[in-house]
């Protein structure tokens, strides 16, 4: 009789394992949003976990006096560490996916980690152009970059601010189509591409064209390093400048002066030039934004 009749033990062990897994899923889904986000990030990057091994998933709550204060400070520090590790992991994974050397001097893509998230500069250089000539039409490389970015943004649920920039000294064929329209059109082309591939419209917070008014630090105005589209990615929705009391007060003060504000909105590109062709027949597009900020941050 030895060795017979033990199959039920294996089945019972499988049943207990399944019940434990079900219990864990139900327990995790009943936790607060912070725990859900941390758990989601862990399973998205299991080999580059954004969580420190000693921090755990759940925040501790010692509850009383100075211990509670220390626990709160430790929790804030842990959250910052989690975000930095997570953002570093996302940046490294993106460079690896694009086959780009992070230490390359004139790399076509530059990623910086900020207090809010990531700032990604997509450069339009002659060696690897992002756009076709002085237009807002993406090259094959540009379409590949935008498709990869859309996947990364959608996967990590980033909110996006898109800024278009140009270099000084560009001569465009039409006198009424200036670098203001070009930078705005390129920023909007990036928005259309992201929403076409994967990104929800609600994740796009702002689209702006700055022409040649904001060169890269240390670069001359006519340098091709200023030809770029900048995407600022944040984990939470960025603070709206329209709701910022300081910026609103400065705008009101400027408008009260004789002659009003020095900044003027440039005309809609649709009245002066034909917009670039959509990237796909089903591409989601919305009216192009062509506003110039009255107060530069």
C-alpha atoms as a PDB file:
ATOM      1  CA  UNK A   1       0.000   0.000   0.000  1.00  0.00           C
ATOM      2  CA  UNK A   2       3.039   2.226   0.368  1.00  0.00           C
ATOM      3  CA  UNK A   3       3.202   4.944  -2.273  1.00  0.00           C
ATOM      4  CA  UNK A   4      -0.470   4.619  -3.264  1.00  0.00           C
ATOM      5  CA  UNK A   5      -3.318   6.994  -2.626  1.00  0.00           C
ATOM      6  CA  UNK A   6      -1.166  10.161  -2.369  1.00  0.00           C
ATOM      7  CA  UNK A   7      -2.430  11.971  -5.468  1.00  0.00           C
ATOM      8  CA  UNK A   8      -4.986  13.887  -3.425  1.00  0.00           C
ATOM      9  CA  UNK A   9      -2.147  15.557  -1.521  1.00  0.00           C
ATOM     10  CA  UNK A  10      -0.778  17.085  -4.712  1.00  0.00           C
ATOM     11  CA  UNK A  11      -4.240  18.301  -5.719  1.00  0.00           C
ATOM     12  CA  UNK A  12      -4.814  19.719  -2.254  1.00  0.00           C
ATOM     13  CA  UNK A  13      -1.456  21.538  -2.339  1.00  0.00           C
ATOM     14  CA  UNK A  14      -2.383  23.111  -5.696  1.00  0.00           C
ATOM     15  CA  UNK A  15      -5.755  24.165  -4.289  1.00  0.00           C
ATOM     16  CA  UNK A  16      -4.165  25.806  -1.225  1.00  0.00           C
ATOM     17  CA  UNK A  17      -1.651  27.633  -3.444  1.00  0.00           C
ATOM     18  CA  UNK A  18      -4.445  28.957  -5.664  1.00  0.00           C
ATOM     19  CA  UNK A  19      -6.427  30.122  -2.617  1.00  0.00           C
ATOM     20  CA  UNK A  20      -3.365  31.926  -1.247  1.00  0.00           C
ATOM     21  CA  UNK A  21      -2.844  33.671  -4.595  1.00  0.00           C
ATOM     22  CA  UNK A  22      -6.509  34.716  -4.634  1.00  0.00           C
ATOM     23  CA  UNK A  23      -6.205  36.020  -1.077  1.00  0.00           C
ATOM     24  CA  UNK A  24      -3.129  38.090  -2.022  1.00  0.00           C
ATOM     25  CA  UNK A  25      -4.872  39.605  -5.055  1.00  0.00           C
ATOM     26  CA  UNK A  26      -7.948  40.534  -3.017  1.00  0.00           C
ATOM     27  CA  UNK A  27      -5.779  41.993  -0.254  1.00  0.00           C
ATOM     28  CA  UNK A  28      -3.683  44.119  -2.644  1.00  0.00           C
ATOM     29  CA  UNK A  29      -6.726  45.496  -4.463  1.00  0.00           C
ATOM     30  CA  UNK A  30      -8.191  46.634  -1.149  1.00  0.00           C
ATOM     31  CA  UNK A  31      -5.122  48.785  -0.328  1.00  0.00           C
ATOM     32  CA  UNK A  32      -4.756  52.505  -0.956  1.00  0.00           C
ATOM     33  CA  UNK A  33      -3.577  54.044  -4.221  1.00  0.00           C
ATOM     34  CA  UNK A  34       0.068  54.361  -3.129  1.00  0.00           C
ATOM     35  CA  UNK A  35       0.385  50.625  -2.528  1.00  0.00           C
ATOM     36  CA  UNK A  36      -1.327  49.818  -5.825  1.00  0.00           C
ATOM     37  CA  UNK A  37       1.077  52.087  -7.764  1.00  0.00           C
ATOM     38  CA  UNK A  38       4.130  50.612  -6.025  1.00  0.00           C
ATOM     39  CA  UNK A  39       2.931  47.068  -6.704  1.00  0.00           C
ATOM     40  CA  UNK A  40       2.163  47.895 -10.340  1.00  0.00           C
ATOM     41  CA  UNK A  41       5.621  49.379 -10.874  1.00  0.00           C
ATOM     42  CA  UNK A  42       7.254  46.345  -9.317  1.00  0.00           C
ATOM     43  CA  UNK A  43       5.555  43.923 -11.717  1.00  0.00           C
ATOM     44  CA  UNK A  44       6.199  46.200 -14.713  1.00  0.00           C
ATOM     45  CA  UNK A  45       9.943  46.170 -13.978  1.00  0.00           C
ATOM     46  CA  UNK A  46      10.604  43.017 -11.943  1.00  0.00           C
ATOM     47  CA  UNK A  47      14.351  43.060 -12.658  1.00  0.00           C
ATOM     48  CA  UNK A  48      14.714  46.811 -12.081  1.00  0.00           C
ATOM     49  CA  UNK A  49      12.382  47.212  -9.158  1.00  0.00           C
ATOM     50  CA  UNK A  50      11.876  50.869  -8.172  1.00  0.00           C
ATOM     51  CA  UNK A  51      11.362  49.763  -4.562  1.00  0.00           C
ATOM     52  CA  UNK A  52      14.269  49.555  -2.208  1.00  0.00           C
ATOM     53  CA  UNK A  53      14.695  46.052  -0.806  1.00  0.00           C
ATOM     54  CA  UNK A  54      14.561  47.294   2.787  1.00  0.00           C
ATOM     55  CA  UNK A  55      11.653  49.701   2.368  1.00  0.00           C
ATOM     56  CA  UNK A  56       8.881  47.177   1.766  1.00  0.00           C
ATOM     57  CA  UNK A  57       5.627  47.875  -0.055  1.00  0.00           C
ATOM     58  CA  UNK A  58       3.458  49.087   2.784  1.00  0.00           C
ATOM     59  CA  UNK A  59       4.188  52.334   4.639  1.00  0.00           C
ATOM     60  CA  UNK A  60       4.752  51.775   8.336  1.00  0.00           C
ATOM     61  CA  UNK A  61       2.630  53.570  10.911  1.00  0.00           C
ATOM     62  CA  UNK A  62       4.123  53.698  14.378  1.00  0.00           C
ATOM     63  CA  UNK A  63       1.439  56.149  15.314  1.00  0.00           C
ATOM     64  CA  UNK A  64       2.578  58.162  18.336  1.00  0.00           C
ATOM     65  CA  UNK A  65       4.697  61.216  19.199  1.00  0.00           C
ATOM     66  CA  UNK A  66       8.154  61.605  17.754  1.00  0.00           C
ATOM     67  CA  UNK A  67       8.049  58.077  16.376  1.00  0.00           C
ATOM     68  CA  UNK A  68       5.098  59.049  14.180  1.00  0.00           C
ATOM     69  CA  UNK A  69       6.959  62.157  12.952  1.00  0.00           C
ATOM     70  CA  UNK A  70      10.081  60.155  12.169  1.00  0.00           C
ATOM     71  CA  UNK A  71       7.937  57.595  10.380  1.00  0.00           C
ATOM     72  CA  UNK A  72       6.386  60.350   8.230  1.00  0.00           C
ATOM     73  CA  UNK A  73       9.810  61.780   7.335  1.00  0.00           C
ATOM     74  CA  UNK A  74      11.119  58.311   6.566  1.00  0.00           C
ATOM     75  CA  UNK A  75       8.089  57.658   4.374  1.00  0.00           C
ATOM     76  CA  UNK A  76       8.638  60.891   2.386  1.00  0.00           C
ATOM     77  CA  UNK A  77      12.314  60.055   1.908  1.00  0.00           C
ATOM     78  CA  UNK A  78      11.425  56.520   0.850  1.00  0.00           C
ATOM     79  CA  UNK A  79       8.882  57.841  -1.678  1.00  0.00           C
ATOM     80  CA  UNK A  80      11.509  60.152  -3.188  1.00  0.00           C
ATOM     81  CA  UNK A  81      13.956  57.279  -3.438  1.00  0.00           C
ATOM     82  CA  UNK A  82      11.276  55.113  -5.058  1.00  0.00           C
ATOM     83  CA  UNK A  83      10.504  57.802  -7.643  1.00  0.00           C
ATOM     84  CA  UNK A  84      14.178  58.409  -8.465  1.00  0.00           C
ATOM     85  CA  UNK A  85      14.890  54.715  -8.858  1.00  0.00           C
ATOM     86  CA  UNK A  86      11.770  54.286 -10.961  1.00  0.00           C
ATOM     87  CA  UNK A  87      12.644  57.232 -13.243  1.00  0.00           C
ATOM     88  CA  UNK A  88      16.249  56.056 -13.609  1.00  0.00           C
ATOM     89  CA  UNK A  89      14.964  52.631 -14.546  1.00  0.00           C
ATOM     90  CA  UNK A  90      12.587  54.074 -17.171  1.00  0.00           C
ATOM     91  CA  UNK A  91      15.349  56.248 -18.692  1.00  0.00           C
ATOM     92  CA  UNK A  92      17.851  53.385 -18.904  1.00  0.00           C
ATOM     93  CA  UNK A  93      15.267  51.034 -20.407  1.00  0.00           C
ATOM     94  CA  UNK A  94      14.366  53.627 -23.056  1.00  0.00           C
ATOM     95  CA  UNK A  95      18.003  54.224 -24.033  1.00  0.00           C
ATOM     96  CA  UNK A  96      18.513  50.474 -24.270  1.00  0.00           C
ATOM     97  CA  UNK A  97      15.399  50.050 -26.409  1.00  0.00           C
ATOM     98  CA  UNK A  98      16.558  52.824 -28.791  1.00  0.00           C
ATOM     99  CA  UNK A  99      20.130  51.405 -28.937  1.00  0.00           C
ATOM    100  CA  UNK A 100      21.605  54.760 -27.876  1.00  0.00           C
ATOM    101  CA  UNK A 101      24.796  55.190 -25.883  1.00  0.00           C
ATOM    102  CA  UNK A 102      23.990  57.380 -22.860  1.00  0.00           C
ATOM    103  CA  UNK A 103      27.548  58.791 -22.832  1.00  0.00           C
ATOM    104  CA  UNK A 104      27.514  59.856 -26.495  1.00  0.00           C
ATOM    105  CA  UNK A 105      28.315  63.572 -26.860  1.00  0.00           C
ATOM    106  CA  UNK A 106      25.868  64.438 -29.660  1.00  0.00           C
ATOM    107  CA  UNK A 107      23.257  61.765 -29.002  1.00  0.00           C
ATOM    108  CA  UNK A 108      19.934  62.294 -30.791  1.00  0.00           C
ATOM    109  CA  UNK A 109      17.961  61.942 -27.549  1.00  0.00           C
ATOM    110  CA  UNK A 110      18.797  63.358 -24.130  1.00  0.00           C
ATOM    111  CA  UNK A 111      16.912  62.398 -20.954  1.00  0.00           C
ATOM    112  CA  UNK A 112      17.137  64.343 -17.705  1.00  0.00           C
ATOM    113  CA  UNK A 113      15.525  63.418 -14.393  1.00  0.00           C
ATOM    114  CA  UNK A 114      13.661  66.335 -12.801  1.00  0.00           C
ATOM    115  CA  UNK A 115      11.731  66.827  -9.573  1.00  0.00           C
ATOM    116  CA  UNK A 116       8.480  66.108 -11.459  1.00  0.00           C
ATOM    117  CA  UNK A 117       9.589  63.276 -13.725  1.00  0.00           C
ATOM    118  CA  UNK A 118      11.598  63.195 -16.966  1.00  0.00           C
ATOM    119  CA  UNK A 119      12.601  65.846 -19.483  1.00  0.00           C
ATOM    120  CA  UNK A 120      13.289  64.334 -22.909  1.00  0.00           C
ATOM    121  CA  UNK A 121      14.937  66.379 -25.665  1.00  0.00           C
ATOM    122  CA  UNK A 122      14.526  65.012 -29.196  1.00  0.00           C
ATOM    123  CA  UNK A 123      17.154  66.709 -31.359  1.00  0.00           C
ATOM    124  CA  UNK A 124      16.745  67.400 -35.064  1.00  0.00           C
ATOM    125  CA  UNK A 125      20.353  67.080 -36.179  1.00  0.00           C
ATOM    126  CA  UNK A 126      21.668  66.666 -39.720  1.00  0.00           C
ATOM    127  CA  UNK A 127      23.364  63.358 -38.871  1.00  0.00           C
ATOM    128  CA  UNK A 128      20.065  61.842 -37.686  1.00  0.00           C
ATOM    129  CA  UNK A 129      17.209  64.233 -38.517  1.00  0.00           C
ATOM    130  CA  UNK A 130      13.925  64.054 -36.662  1.00  0.00           C
ATOM    131  CA  UNK A 131      12.025  66.021 -39.328  1.00  0.00           C
ATOM    132  CA  UNK A 132      12.182  66.261 -43.107  1.00  0.00           C
ATOM    133  CA  UNK A 133      14.031  69.526 -43.797  1.00  0.00           C
ATOM    134  CA  UNK A 134      12.448  72.626 -42.259  1.00  0.00           C
ATOM    135  CA  UNK A 135       9.018  71.017 -42.052  1.00  0.00           C
ATOM    136  CA  UNK A 136       6.880  69.353 -39.400  1.00  0.00           C
ATOM    137  CA  UNK A 137       6.898  65.967 -41.157  1.00  0.00           C
ATOM    138  CA  UNK A 138       8.691  63.191 -39.284  1.00  0.00           C
ATOM    139  CA  UNK A 139      11.443  61.149 -40.883  1.00  0.00           C
ATOM    140  CA  UNK A 140      11.431  57.372 -40.555  1.00  0.00           C
ATOM    141  CA  UNK A 141      13.693  57.732 -37.502  1.00  0.00           C
ATOM    142  CA  UNK A 142      11.345  60.363 -36.070  1.00  0.00           C
ATOM    143  CA  UNK A 143       8.321  58.075 -36.430  1.00  0.00           C
ATOM    144  CA  UNK A 144      10.209  55.245 -34.718  1.00  0.00           C
ATOM    145  CA  UNK A 145      11.159  57.545 -31.827  1.00  0.00           C
ATOM    146  CA  UNK A 146       7.595  58.795 -31.364  1.00  0.00           C
ATOM    147  CA  UNK A 147       6.146  55.274 -31.488  1.00  0.00           C
ATOM    148  CA  UNK A 148       8.605  54.104 -28.823  1.00  0.00           C
ATOM    149  CA  UNK A 149       7.905  57.166 -26.673  1.00  0.00           C
ATOM    150  CA  UNK A 150       4.160  56.638 -26.957  1.00  0.00           C
ATOM    151  CA  UNK A 151       4.519  53.067 -25.727  1.00  0.00           C
ATOM    152  CA  UNK A 152       6.673  54.180 -22.775  1.00  0.00           C
ATOM    153  CA  UNK A 153       4.342  57.058 -21.810  1.00  0.00           C
ATOM    154  CA  UNK A 154       1.230  54.914 -22.022  1.00  0.00           C
ATOM    155  CA  UNK A 155       2.795  52.080 -20.051  1.00  0.00           C
ATOM    156  CA  UNK A 156       3.830  54.335 -17.168  1.00  0.00           C
ATOM    157  CA  UNK A 157       0.814  56.688 -17.374  1.00  0.00           C
ATOM    158  CA  UNK A 158       2.885  59.876 -17.611  1.00  0.00           C
ATOM    159  CA  UNK A 159       1.345  63.280 -18.205  1.00  0.00           C
ATOM    160  CA  UNK A 160       2.990  65.176 -21.066  1.00  0.00           C
ATOM    161  CA  UNK A 161       3.960  68.782 -21.814  1.00  0.00           C
ATOM    162  CA  UNK A 162       5.350  69.300 -25.331  1.00  0.00           C
ATOM    163  CA  UNK A 163       7.535  72.265 -26.346  1.00  0.00           C
ATOM    164  CA  UNK A 164       8.799  72.979 -29.857  1.00  0.00           C
ATOM    165  CA  UNK A 165      12.087  74.876 -30.418  1.00  0.00           C
ATOM    166  CA  UNK A 166      14.084  76.008 -33.456  1.00  0.00           C
ATOM    167  CA  UNK A 167      17.494  77.539 -34.063  1.00  0.00           C
ATOM    168  CA  UNK A 168      18.089  81.098 -35.182  1.00  0.00           C
ATOM    169  CA  UNK A 169      18.712  82.039 -38.798  1.00  0.00           C
ATOM    170  CA  UNK A 170      16.303  79.630 -40.493  1.00  0.00           C
ATOM    171  CA  UNK A 171      15.068  80.874 -43.871  1.00  0.00           C
ATOM    172  CA  UNK A 172      11.611  79.552 -44.667  1.00  0.00           C
ATOM    173  CA  UNK A 173      10.032  79.697 -48.146  1.00  0.00           C
ATOM    174  CA  UNK A 174       6.944  81.680 -47.116  1.00  0.00           C
ATOM    175  CA  UNK A 175       7.401  85.072 -45.433  1.00  0.00           C
ATOM    176  CA  UNK A 176       4.232  84.670 -43.380  1.00  0.00           C
ATOM    177  CA  UNK A 177       5.325  81.238 -42.114  1.00  0.00           C
ATOM    178  CA  UNK A 178       7.939  81.923 -39.458  1.00  0.00           C
ATOM    179  CA  UNK A 179       9.848  79.921 -36.869  1.00  0.00           C
ATOM    180  CA  UNK A 180       6.930  80.512 -34.506  1.00  0.00           C
ATOM    181  CA  UNK A 181       4.610  78.535 -36.753  1.00  0.00           C
ATOM    182  CA  UNK A 182       7.290  75.916 -37.423  1.00  0.00           C
ATOM    183  CA  UNK A 183       8.007  75.271 -33.731  1.00  0.00           C
ATOM    184  CA  UNK A 184       4.279  75.136 -32.979  1.00  0.00           C
ATOM    185  CA  UNK A 185       3.609  72.756 -35.870  1.00  0.00           C
ATOM    186  CA  UNK A 186       6.408  70.444 -34.794  1.00  0.00           C
ATOM    187  CA  UNK A 187       5.126  70.349 -31.216  1.00  0.00           C
ATOM    188  CA  UNK A 188       1.645  69.548 -32.498  1.00  0.00           C
ATOM    189  CA  UNK A 189       3.038  66.889 -34.845  1.00  0.00           C
ATOM    190  CA  UNK A 190       4.589  65.238 -31.799  1.00  0.00           C
ATOM    191  CA  UNK A 191       1.235  65.385 -29.991  1.00  0.00           C
ATOM    192  CA  UNK A 192      -0.618  63.871 -32.928  1.00  0.00           C
ATOM    193  CA  UNK A 193       1.948  61.101 -33.218  1.00  0.00           C
ATOM    194  CA  UNK A 194       1.748  60.198 -29.514  1.00  0.00           C
ATOM    195  CA  UNK A 195      -2.051  60.084 -29.497  1.00  0.00           C
ATOM    196  CA  UNK A 196      -2.072  58.143 -32.774  1.00  0.00           C
ATOM    197  CA  UNK A 197       0.090  55.344 -31.406  1.00  0.00           C
ATOM    198  CA  UNK A 198      -0.969  54.905 -27.783  1.00  0.00           C
ATOM    199  CA  UNK A 199      -1.303  57.986 -25.560  1.00  0.00           C
ATOM    200  CA  UNK A 200      -4.691  59.171 -24.296  1.00  0.00           C
ATOM    201  CA  UNK A 201      -5.588  62.767 -25.198  1.00  0.00           C
ATOM    202  CA  UNK A 202      -6.207  63.462 -21.508  1.00  0.00           C
ATOM    203  CA  UNK A 203      -2.527  62.810 -20.757  1.00  0.00           C
ATOM    204  CA  UNK A 204      -1.458  65.777 -22.937  1.00  0.00           C
ATOM    205  CA  UNK A 205      -1.348  68.812 -20.662  1.00  0.00           C
ATOM    206  CA  UNK A 206       0.081  71.543 -22.923  1.00  0.00           C
ATOM    207  CA  UNK A 207       1.562  72.032 -26.405  1.00  0.00           C
ATOM    208  CA  UNK A 208       3.657  75.160 -27.034  1.00  0.00           C
ATOM    209  CA  UNK A 209       5.950  76.604 -29.700  1.00  0.00           C
ATOM    210  CA  UNK A 210       8.851  78.800 -28.523  1.00  0.00           C
ATOM    211  CA  UNK A 211      10.561  79.461 -31.878  1.00  0.00           C
ATOM    212  CA  UNK A 212      14.236  80.408 -31.281  1.00  0.00           C
ATOM    213  CA  UNK A 213      13.682  82.205 -27.957  1.00  0.00           C
ATOM    214  CA  UNK A 214      14.978  79.397 -25.707  1.00  0.00           C
ATOM    215  CA  UNK A 215      18.314  78.005 -26.902  1.00  0.00           C
ATOM    216  CA  UNK A 216      19.966  75.130 -25.080  1.00  0.00           C
ATOM    217  CA  UNK A 217      22.330  76.216 -22.272  1.00  0.00           C
ATOM    218  CA  UNK A 218      25.807  76.814 -23.670  1.00  0.00           C
ATOM    219  CA  UNK A 219      24.643  76.670 -27.298  1.00  0.00           C
ATOM    220  CA  UNK A 220      24.765  79.546 -29.773  1.00  0.00           C
ATOM    221  CA  UNK A 221      21.436  80.617 -31.194  1.00  0.00           C
ATOM    222  CA  UNK A 222      22.149  79.222 -34.675  1.00  0.00           C
ATOM    223  CA  UNK A 223      23.429  75.849 -33.390  1.00  0.00           C
ATOM    224  CA  UNK A 224      21.550  72.814 -34.658  1.00  0.00           C
ATOM    225  CA  UNK A 225      21.385  71.606 -31.052  1.00  0.00           C
ATOM    226  CA  UNK A 226      18.543  74.100 -30.592  1.00  0.00           C
ATOM    227  CA  UNK A 227      16.436  72.278 -33.178  1.00  0.00           C
ATOM    228  CA  UNK A 228      14.473  70.078 -30.816  1.00  0.00           C
ATOM    229  CA  UNK A 229      11.171  68.972 -29.393  1.00  0.00           C
ATOM    230  CA  UNK A 230      11.109  68.750 -25.602  1.00  0.00           C
ATOM    231  CA  UNK A 231       8.728  66.440 -23.757  1.00  0.00           C
ATOM    232  CA  UNK A 232       8.313  66.945 -20.013  1.00  0.00           C
ATOM    233  CA  UNK A 233       6.864  63.796 -18.454  1.00  0.00           C
ATOM    234  CA  UNK A 234       5.407  63.855 -14.952  1.00  0.00           C
ATOM    235  CA  UNK A 235       3.963  61.118 -12.771  1.00  0.00           C
ATOM    236  CA  UNK A 236       1.138  63.447 -11.676  1.00  0.00           C
ATOM    237  CA  UNK A 237      -0.593  66.164 -13.688  1.00  0.00           C
ATOM    238  CA  UNK A 238       1.580  69.308 -13.800  1.00  0.00           C
ATOM    239  CA  UNK A 239       0.327  72.438 -12.080  1.00  0.00           C
ATOM    240  CA  UNK A 240      -1.624  74.556 -14.550  1.00  0.00           C
ATOM    241  CA  UNK A 241      -0.088  77.971 -15.151  1.00  0.00           C
ATOM    242  CA  UNK A 242      -3.542  79.463 -15.588  1.00  0.00           C
ATOM    243  CA  UNK A 243      -4.291  78.496 -11.992  1.00  0.00           C
ATOM    244  CA  UNK A 244      -0.975  79.802 -10.639  1.00  0.00           C
ATOM    245  CA  UNK A 245      -1.763  83.013  -8.705  1.00  0.00           C
ATOM    246  CA  UNK A 246       1.753  84.434  -9.192  1.00  0.00           C
ATOM    247  CA  UNK A 247       1.664  84.024 -12.974  1.00  0.00           C
ATOM    248  CA  UNK A 248      -1.927  85.292 -13.163  1.00  0.00           C
ATOM    249  CA  UNK A 249      -0.965  88.395 -11.149  1.00  0.00           C
ATOM    250  CA  UNK A 250       2.012  89.129 -13.407  1.00  0.00           C
ATOM    251  CA  UNK A 251      -0.138  88.690 -16.513  1.00  0.00           C
ATOM    252  CA  UNK A 252      -2.782  91.066 -15.160  1.00  0.00           C
ATOM    253  CA  UNK A 253      -0.139  93.640 -14.232  1.00  0.00           C
ATOM    254  CA  UNK A 254       1.353  93.470 -17.708  1.00  0.00           C
ATOM    255  CA  UNK A 255      -2.050  93.846 -19.377  1.00  0.00           C
ATOM    256  CA  UNK A 256      -2.793  96.957 -17.284  1.00  0.00           C
ATOM    257  CA  UNK A 257       0.231  98.762 -18.714  1.00  0.00           C
ATOM    258  CA  UNK A 258      -0.181 101.033 -21.779  1.00  0.00           C
ATOM    259  CA  UNK A 259       0.026  98.930 -24.867  1.00  0.00           C
ATOM    260  CA  UNK A 260      -0.822  95.742 -22.977  1.00  0.00           C
ATOM    261  CA  UNK A 261       1.391  92.709 -22.887  1.00  0.00           C
ATOM    262  CA  UNK A 262       4.458  92.573 -25.109  1.00  0.00           C
ATOM    263  CA  UNK A 263       3.744  88.973 -25.996  1.00  0.00           C
ATOM    264  CA  UNK A 264       1.383  88.330 -28.856  1.00  0.00           C
ATOM    265  CA  UNK A 265      -0.166  85.069 -29.929  1.00  0.00           C
ATOM    266  CA  UNK A 266       1.029  83.987 -33.333  1.00  0.00           C
ATOM    267  CA  UNK A 267      -1.485  83.093 -35.983  1.00  0.00           C
ATOM    268  CA  UNK A 268      -2.960  79.639 -36.461  1.00  0.00           C
ATOM    269  CA  UNK A 269      -0.740  77.662 -38.770  1.00  0.00           C
ATOM    270  CA  UNK A 270      -3.776  76.389 -40.653  1.00  0.00           C
ATOM    271  CA  UNK A 271      -4.267  79.906 -42.102  1.00  0.00           C
ATOM    272  CA  UNK A 272      -0.720  80.184 -43.408  1.00  0.00           C
ATOM    273  CA  UNK A 273       0.569  76.760 -44.271  1.00  0.00           C
ATOM    274  CA  UNK A 274      -0.669  73.287 -44.935  1.00  0.00           C
ATOM    275  CA  UNK A 275      -0.226  71.122 -41.797  1.00  0.00           C
ATOM    276  CA  UNK A 276       1.811  67.918 -42.045  1.00  0.00           C
ATOM    277  CA  UNK A 277       0.008  64.802 -43.207  1.00  0.00           C
ATOM    278  CA  UNK A 278      -1.340  62.620 -40.369  1.00  0.00           C
ATOM    279  CA  UNK A 279       0.753  59.575 -39.478  1.00  0.00           C
ATOM    280  CA  UNK A 280      -2.104  57.157 -40.075  1.00  0.00           C
ATOM    281  CA  UNK A 281      -5.552  57.048 -41.570  1.00  0.00           C
ATOM    282  CA  UNK A 282      -7.065  56.686 -38.131  1.00  0.00           C
ATOM    283  CA  UNK A 283      -4.776  59.203 -36.419  1.00  0.00           C
ATOM    284  CA  UNK A 284      -6.503  61.125 -33.678  1.00  0.00           C
ATOM    285  CA  UNK A 285      -6.027  64.847 -34.165  1.00  0.00           C
ATOM    286  CA  UNK A 286      -7.385  67.887 -32.457  1.00  0.00           C
ATOM    287  CA  UNK A 287      -7.033  71.601 -33.241  1.00  0.00           C
ATOM    288  CA  UNK A 288      -3.413  72.703 -33.293  1.00  0.00           C
ATOM    289  CA  UNK A 289      -2.270  74.862 -30.433  1.00  0.00           C
ATOM    290  CA  UNK A 290      -0.366  77.945 -31.486  1.00  0.00           C
ATOM    291  CA  UNK A 291      -0.163  80.081 -28.392  1.00  0.00           C
ATOM    292  CA  UNK A 292       2.802  81.911 -27.087  1.00  0.00           C
ATOM    293  CA  UNK A 293       3.127  82.216 -23.335  1.00  0.00           C
ATOM    294  CA  UNK A 294       2.702  85.761 -22.087  1.00  0.00           C
ATOM    295  CA  UNK A 295       5.087  85.092 -19.216  1.00  0.00           C
ATOM    296  CA  UNK A 296       7.947  82.718 -19.680  1.00  0.00           C
ATOM    297  CA  UNK A 297       8.499  80.653 -16.571  1.00  0.00           C
END
